[in-house]
Amino acid sequence: MRIYLHSIGCRLNQSEIETMGRQLLAQGHEIVADSASADKVIINTCAVTAEAAKD
């Protein structure tokens, strides 16, 4: 399956999406650079960062 990965948010999100990409590749999926050519799109985002940064 062709999968497009997109991360919005903090550096942790970027690390998580990179890990997810490696796992998907190991399972035989193809990571694509364009969402239009993907069978599935995965968007990783975070709603906690702004509140956590205040603390």
C-alpha atoms as a PDB file:
ATOM      1  CA  MET A   1       0.000   0.000   0.000  1.00  0.00           C
ATOM      2  CA  ARG A   2       1.258   3.521  -0.795  1.00  0.00           C
ATOM      3  CA  ILE A   3       1.147   5.753   2.278  1.00  0.00           C
ATOM      4  CA  TYR A   4       1.705   9.491   2.641  1.00  0.00           C
ATOM      5  CA  LEU A   5       2.846  10.664   6.086  1.00  0.00           C
ATOM      6  CA  HIS A   6       2.419  14.237   7.307  1.00  0.00           C
ATOM      7  CA  SER A   7       3.335  15.640  10.703  1.00  0.00           C
ATOM      8  CA  ILE A   8       1.983  18.859  12.211  1.00  0.00           C
ATOM      9  CA  GLY A   9       3.246  20.069  15.553  1.00  0.00           C
ATOM     10  CA  CYS A  10       6.233  19.594  17.776  1.00  0.00           C
ATOM     11  CA  ARG A  11       9.515  17.748  17.322  1.00  0.00           C
ATOM     12  CA  LEU A  12       8.060  14.742  19.113  1.00  0.00           C
ATOM     13  CA  ASN A  13       5.461  14.479  16.367  1.00  0.00           C
ATOM     14  CA  GLN A  14       8.245  14.488  13.765  1.00  0.00           C
ATOM     15  CA  SER A  15      10.053  11.720  15.629  1.00  0.00           C
ATOM     16  CA  GLU A  16       6.846   9.703  15.925  1.00  0.00           C
ATOM     17  CA  ILE A  17       6.059   9.988  12.214  1.00  0.00           C
ATOM     18  CA  GLU A  18       9.620   8.912  11.329  1.00  0.00           C
ATOM     19  CA  THR A  19       9.249   5.855  13.578  1.00  0.00           C
ATOM     20  CA  MET A  20       5.859   5.112  12.053  1.00  0.00           C
ATOM     21  CA  GLY A  21       7.381   5.385   8.579  1.00  0.00           C
ATOM     22  CA  ARG A  22      10.116   2.869   9.426  1.00  0.00           C
ATOM     23  CA  GLN A  23       7.538   0.460  10.830  1.00  0.00           C
ATOM     24  CA  LEU A  24       5.334   0.774   7.757  1.00  0.00           C
ATOM     25  CA  LEU A  25       8.320   0.188   5.452  1.00  0.00           C
ATOM     26  CA  ALA A  26       9.248  -2.914   7.460  1.00  0.00           C
ATOM     27  CA  GLN A  27       5.704  -4.185   6.912  1.00  0.00           C
ATOM     28  CA  GLY A  28       6.133  -3.814   3.158  1.00  0.00           C
ATOM     29  CA  HIS A  29       4.321  -0.528   2.584  1.00  0.00           C
ATOM     30  CA  GLU A  30       5.665   2.229   0.352  1.00  0.00           C
ATOM     31  CA  ILE A  31       6.026   5.760   1.729  1.00  0.00           C
ATOM     32  CA  VAL A  32       5.244   8.350  -0.948  1.00  0.00           C
ATOM     33  CA  ALA A  33       6.095  12.064  -1.060  1.00  0.00           C
ATOM     34  CA  ASP A  34       2.789  13.178  -2.579  1.00  0.00           C
ATOM     35  CA  SER A  35      -0.627  12.675  -1.002  1.00  0.00           C
ATOM     36  CA  ALA A  36      -2.270  12.487  -4.436  1.00  0.00           C
ATOM     37  CA  SER A  37      -0.368   9.275  -5.215  1.00  0.00           C
ATOM     38  CA  ALA A  38      -1.161   7.636  -1.859  1.00  0.00           C
ATOM     39  CA  ASP A  39      -3.704   4.956  -1.064  1.00  0.00           C
ATOM     40  CA  LYS A  40      -3.787   6.174   2.544  1.00  0.00           C
ATOM     41  CA  VAL A  41      -2.828   9.457   4.220  1.00  0.00           C
ATOM     42  CA  ILE A  42      -1.690   9.559   7.837  1.00  0.00           C
ATOM     43  CA  ILE A  43      -1.598  12.932   9.600  1.00  0.00           C
ATOM     44  CA  ASN A  44       0.060  13.060  13.005  1.00  0.00           C
ATOM     45  CA  THR A  45      -0.748  16.154  15.040  1.00  0.00           C
ATOM     46  CA  CYS A  46      -0.775  17.360  18.618  1.00  0.00           C
ATOM     47  CA  ALA A  47      -3.161  19.563  20.559  1.00  0.00           C
ATOM     48  CA  VAL A  48      -1.167  19.506  23.780  1.00  0.00           C
ATOM     49  CA  THR A  49       2.016  21.429  22.917  1.00  0.00           C
ATOM     50  CA  ALA A  50       0.707  24.971  23.485  1.00  0.00           C
ATOM     51  CA  GLU A  51      -0.636  24.110  26.940  1.00  0.00           C
ATOM     52  CA  ALA A  52       2.466  22.132  27.862  1.00  0.00           C
ATOM     53  CA  ALA A  53       4.695  25.028  26.801  1.00  0.00           C
ATOM     54  CA  LYS A  54       2.836  27.345  29.232  1.00  0.00           C
ATOM     55  CA  ASP A  55       3.820  25.116  32.144  1.00  0.00           C
END
